[in-house]
């Protein structure tokens, strides 16, 4: 199930969002694959594992919340960046969003999103070294 290439899974039911994110990621040399549903994304995990997931919370059929619950079992260490156009209370949803490394409000700032993905896909030893430098 593992892979050696850094790539990002985009999970959003809106085609325009998927296309825009694919263009953005490819413009900075980041491989990406888009999924229009949470179920489609989860099915893909049988064959490959992304380095990070950028996902909408509010999708028909299977919400981002449901995908997060499934990821707790099948890929608990997979970093997830949440995007939402809706106001959410992080405190109330803390258990559902515990695997999220960032929760971003749509429309998402490109630089903020790319920064979150960069942090999520850094090897753990680099993150540890940066933390030592900061202290």
C-alpha atoms as a PDB file:
ATOM      1  CA  UNK A   1       0.000   0.000   0.000  1.00  0.00           C
ATOM      2  CA  UNK A   2       2.944   2.348   0.474  1.00  0.00           C
ATOM      3  CA  UNK A   3       4.398   4.600  -2.140  1.00  0.00           C
ATOM      4  CA  UNK A   4       7.598   6.594  -2.505  1.00  0.00           C
ATOM      5  CA  UNK A   5       6.217   9.606  -4.340  1.00  0.00           C
ATOM      6  CA  UNK A   6       4.804  12.573  -2.458  1.00  0.00           C
ATOM      7  CA  UNK A   7       1.299  13.231  -3.707  1.00  0.00           C
ATOM      8  CA  UNK A   8      -1.879  14.806  -2.447  1.00  0.00           C
ATOM      9  CA  UNK A   9      -5.405  13.429  -2.634  1.00  0.00           C
ATOM     10  CA  UNK A  10      -8.099  16.038  -3.252  1.00  0.00           C
ATOM     11  CA  UNK A  11     -11.570  15.017  -2.053  1.00  0.00           C
ATOM     12  CA  UNK A  12     -14.312  17.480  -2.981  1.00  0.00           C
ATOM     13  CA  UNK A  13     -17.680  17.062  -4.659  1.00  0.00           C
ATOM     14  CA  UNK A  14     -17.341  20.364  -6.557  1.00  0.00           C
ATOM     15  CA  UNK A  15     -15.650  19.852  -9.919  1.00  0.00           C
ATOM     16  CA  UNK A  16     -14.459  23.466 -10.129  1.00  0.00           C
ATOM     17  CA  UNK A  17     -12.666  23.131  -6.775  1.00  0.00           C
ATOM     18  CA  UNK A  18     -11.030  19.863  -7.821  1.00  0.00           C
ATOM     19  CA  UNK A  19      -9.813  21.374 -11.101  1.00  0.00           C
ATOM     20  CA  UNK A  20      -8.498  24.522  -9.413  1.00  0.00           C
ATOM     21  CA  UNK A  21      -6.607  22.549  -6.771  1.00  0.00           C
ATOM     22  CA  UNK A  22      -5.136  20.189  -9.369  1.00  0.00           C
ATOM     23  CA  UNK A  23      -3.866  23.211 -11.334  1.00  0.00           C
ATOM     24  CA  UNK A  24      -2.467  24.846  -8.202  1.00  0.00           C
ATOM     25  CA  UNK A  25      -0.648  21.740  -7.010  1.00  0.00           C
ATOM     26  CA  UNK A  26       0.751  20.904 -10.423  1.00  0.00           C
ATOM     27  CA  UNK A  27       1.936  24.520 -10.860  1.00  0.00           C
ATOM     28  CA  UNK A  28       4.226  24.056  -7.860  1.00  0.00           C
ATOM     29  CA  UNK A  29       5.365  20.575  -8.927  1.00  0.00           C
ATOM     30  CA  UNK A  30       3.176  18.623  -6.516  1.00  0.00           C
ATOM     31  CA  UNK A  31       1.529  15.456  -7.775  1.00  0.00           C
ATOM     32  CA  UNK A  32      -2.182  15.222  -7.030  1.00  0.00           C
ATOM     33  CA  UNK A  33      -5.181  13.059  -7.732  1.00  0.00           C
ATOM     34  CA  UNK A  34      -8.765  14.254  -7.351  1.00  0.00           C
ATOM     35  CA  UNK A  35     -11.759  12.311  -6.055  1.00  0.00           C
ATOM     36  CA  UNK A  36     -15.355  13.502  -6.294  1.00  0.00           C
ATOM     37  CA  UNK A  37     -16.514  11.459  -3.310  1.00  0.00           C
ATOM     38  CA  UNK A  38     -15.283  10.231   0.022  1.00  0.00           C
ATOM     39  CA  UNK A  39     -16.145   6.664  -0.929  1.00  0.00           C
ATOM     40  CA  UNK A  40     -14.088   6.895  -4.117  1.00  0.00           C
ATOM     41  CA  UNK A  41     -11.123   8.169  -2.147  1.00  0.00           C
ATOM     42  CA  UNK A  42     -11.417   5.473   0.534  1.00  0.00           C
ATOM     43  CA  UNK A  43     -11.615   2.776  -2.154  1.00  0.00           C
ATOM     44  CA  UNK A  44      -8.373   4.046  -3.671  1.00  0.00           C
ATOM     45  CA  UNK A  45      -6.530   3.370  -0.407  1.00  0.00           C
ATOM     46  CA  UNK A  46      -6.510  -0.325  -1.296  1.00  0.00           C
ATOM     47  CA  UNK A  47      -4.025   0.477  -4.076  1.00  0.00           C
ATOM     48  CA  UNK A  48      -2.076   3.551  -3.031  1.00  0.00           C
ATOM     49  CA  UNK A  49      -1.622   5.904  -0.093  1.00  0.00           C
ATOM     50  CA  UNK A  50      -1.317   9.675  -0.526  1.00  0.00           C
ATOM     51  CA  UNK A  51       1.115  11.747   1.502  1.00  0.00           C
ATOM     52  CA  UNK A  52      -1.694  14.102   2.496  1.00  0.00           C
ATOM     53  CA  UNK A  53      -5.418  14.605   1.913  1.00  0.00           C
ATOM     54  CA  UNK A  54      -7.134  17.914   1.187  1.00  0.00           C
ATOM     55  CA  UNK A  55     -10.819  17.360   1.822  1.00  0.00           C
ATOM     56  CA  UNK A  56     -14.127  19.178   1.939  1.00  0.00           C
ATOM     57  CA  UNK A  57     -16.256  18.446   4.999  1.00  0.00           C
ATOM     58  CA  UNK A  58     -19.679  18.856   3.440  1.00  0.00           C
ATOM     59  CA  UNK A  59     -20.258  16.436   0.581  1.00  0.00           C
ATOM     60  CA  UNK A  60     -23.340  14.434  -0.417  1.00  0.00           C
ATOM     61  CA  UNK A  61     -23.498  10.680   0.159  1.00  0.00           C
ATOM     62  CA  UNK A  62     -20.428  10.501   2.429  1.00  0.00           C
ATOM     63  CA  UNK A  63     -19.391  13.581   4.359  1.00  0.00           C
ATOM     64  CA  UNK A  64     -15.839  14.510   5.214  1.00  0.00           C
ATOM     65  CA  UNK A  65     -16.704  13.691   8.826  1.00  0.00           C
ATOM     66  CA  UNK A  66     -17.513  10.106   7.810  1.00  0.00           C
ATOM     67  CA  UNK A  67     -14.271   9.864   5.824  1.00  0.00           C
ATOM     68  CA  UNK A  68     -12.316  11.076   8.872  1.00  0.00           C
ATOM     69  CA  UNK A  69     -13.940   8.360  10.988  1.00  0.00           C
ATOM     70  CA  UNK A  70     -12.918   5.701   8.439  1.00  0.00           C
ATOM     71  CA  UNK A  71      -9.372   7.079   8.290  1.00  0.00           C
ATOM     72  CA  UNK A  72      -9.030   6.660  12.057  1.00  0.00           C
ATOM     73  CA  UNK A  73      -9.177   2.904  11.421  1.00  0.00           C
ATOM     74  CA  UNK A  74      -7.492   2.479   8.041  1.00  0.00           C
ATOM     75  CA  UNK A  75      -4.909   5.272   7.939  1.00  0.00           C
ATOM     76  CA  UNK A  76      -4.697   6.962  11.355  1.00  0.00           C
ATOM     77  CA  UNK A  77      -1.409   8.734  10.574  1.00  0.00           C
ATOM     78  CA  UNK A  78      -2.501  10.179   7.235  1.00  0.00           C
ATOM     79  CA  UNK A  79      -2.392  13.995   7.457  1.00  0.00           C
ATOM     80  CA  UNK A  80      -5.654  15.692   6.477  1.00  0.00           C
ATOM     81  CA  UNK A  81      -6.243  19.325   5.572  1.00  0.00           C
ATOM     82  CA  UNK A  82      -9.921  20.206   5.922  1.00  0.00           C
ATOM     83  CA  UNK A  83     -11.619  22.807   3.744  1.00  0.00           C
ATOM     84  CA  UNK A  84     -15.115  24.083   4.390  1.00  0.00           C
ATOM     85  CA  UNK A  85     -17.357  26.887   3.249  1.00  0.00           C
ATOM     86  CA  UNK A  86     -19.411  26.479   6.429  1.00  0.00           C
ATOM     87  CA  UNK A  87     -18.689  27.909   9.844  1.00  0.00           C
ATOM     88  CA  UNK A  88     -17.765  25.141  12.244  1.00  0.00           C
ATOM     89  CA  UNK A  89     -17.107  25.143  15.942  1.00  0.00           C
ATOM     90  CA  UNK A  90     -13.776  23.371  16.340  1.00  0.00           C
ATOM     91  CA  UNK A  91     -14.403  22.763  20.048  1.00  0.00           C
ATOM     92  CA  UNK A  92     -17.634  20.909  19.413  1.00  0.00           C
ATOM     93  CA  UNK A  93     -16.095  18.863  16.617  1.00  0.00           C
ATOM     94  CA  UNK A  94     -12.718  18.207  18.197  1.00  0.00           C
ATOM     95  CA  UNK A  95     -13.042  14.407  18.231  1.00  0.00           C
ATOM     96  CA  UNK A  96     -14.149  14.302  14.588  1.00  0.00           C
ATOM     97  CA  UNK A  97     -11.376  16.634  13.502  1.00  0.00           C
ATOM     98  CA  UNK A  98      -8.605  15.132  15.641  1.00  0.00           C
ATOM     99  CA  UNK A  99      -6.739  13.849  12.582  1.00  0.00           C
ATOM    100  CA  UNK A 100      -6.887  17.193  10.783  1.00  0.00           C
ATOM    101  CA  UNK A 101      -3.664  19.178  10.707  1.00  0.00           C
ATOM    102  CA  UNK A 102      -5.447  22.303   9.472  1.00  0.00           C
ATOM    103  CA  UNK A 103      -9.022  23.512   9.049  1.00  0.00           C
ATOM    104  CA  UNK A 104      -9.269  26.149   6.337  1.00  0.00           C
ATOM    105  CA  UNK A 105     -12.221  28.318   5.397  1.00  0.00           C
ATOM    106  CA  UNK A 106     -13.205  28.441   1.706  1.00  0.00           C
ATOM    107  CA  UNK A 107     -12.207  30.260  -0.349  1.00  0.00           C
ATOM    108  CA  UNK A 108      -8.828  28.934   0.719  1.00  0.00           C
ATOM    109  CA  UNK A 109      -5.724  31.090   0.429  1.00  0.00           C
ATOM    110  CA  UNK A 110      -3.302  29.249  -1.894  1.00  0.00           C
ATOM    111  CA  UNK A 111      -0.212  30.045   0.185  1.00  0.00           C
ATOM    112  CA  UNK A 112      -1.836  28.923   3.435  1.00  0.00           C
ATOM    113  CA  UNK A 113      -2.978  25.664   1.816  1.00  0.00           C
ATOM    114  CA  UNK A 114       0.434  24.971   0.280  1.00  0.00           C
ATOM    115  CA  UNK A 115       2.109  25.714   3.626  1.00  0.00           C
ATOM    116  CA  UNK A 116      -0.169  23.216   5.393  1.00  0.00           C
ATOM    117  CA  UNK A 117       0.601  20.555   2.781  1.00  0.00           C
ATOM    118  CA  UNK A 118       4.338  21.222   3.032  1.00  0.00           C
ATOM    119  CA  UNK A 119       4.233  20.769   6.799  1.00  0.00           C
ATOM    120  CA  UNK A 120       2.107  17.633   6.476  1.00  0.00           C
ATOM    121  CA  UNK A 121       4.407  15.952   3.975  1.00  0.00           C
ATOM    122  CA  UNK A 122       7.735  16.700   5.661  1.00  0.00           C
ATOM    123  CA  UNK A 123       9.532  13.628   6.937  1.00  0.00           C
ATOM    124  CA  UNK A 124       9.198  13.335  10.747  1.00  0.00           C
ATOM    125  CA  UNK A 125      12.966  13.682  11.256  1.00  0.00           C
ATOM    126  CA  UNK A 126      12.934  17.098   9.553  1.00  0.00           C
ATOM    127  CA  UNK A 127      10.019  18.266  11.695  1.00  0.00           C
ATOM    128  CA  UNK A 128      11.853  17.094  14.842  1.00  0.00           C
ATOM    129  CA  UNK A 129      15.041  18.907  13.758  1.00  0.00           C
ATOM    130  CA  UNK A 130      13.090  22.136  13.117  1.00  0.00           C
ATOM    131  CA  UNK A 131      11.445  21.888  16.540  1.00  0.00           C
ATOM    132  CA  UNK A 132      14.868  21.548  18.203  1.00  0.00           C
ATOM    133  CA  UNK A 133      16.141  24.639  16.332  1.00  0.00           C
ATOM    134  CA  UNK A 134      13.142  26.693  17.447  1.00  0.00           C
ATOM    135  CA  UNK A 135      13.597  25.852  21.155  1.00  0.00           C
END
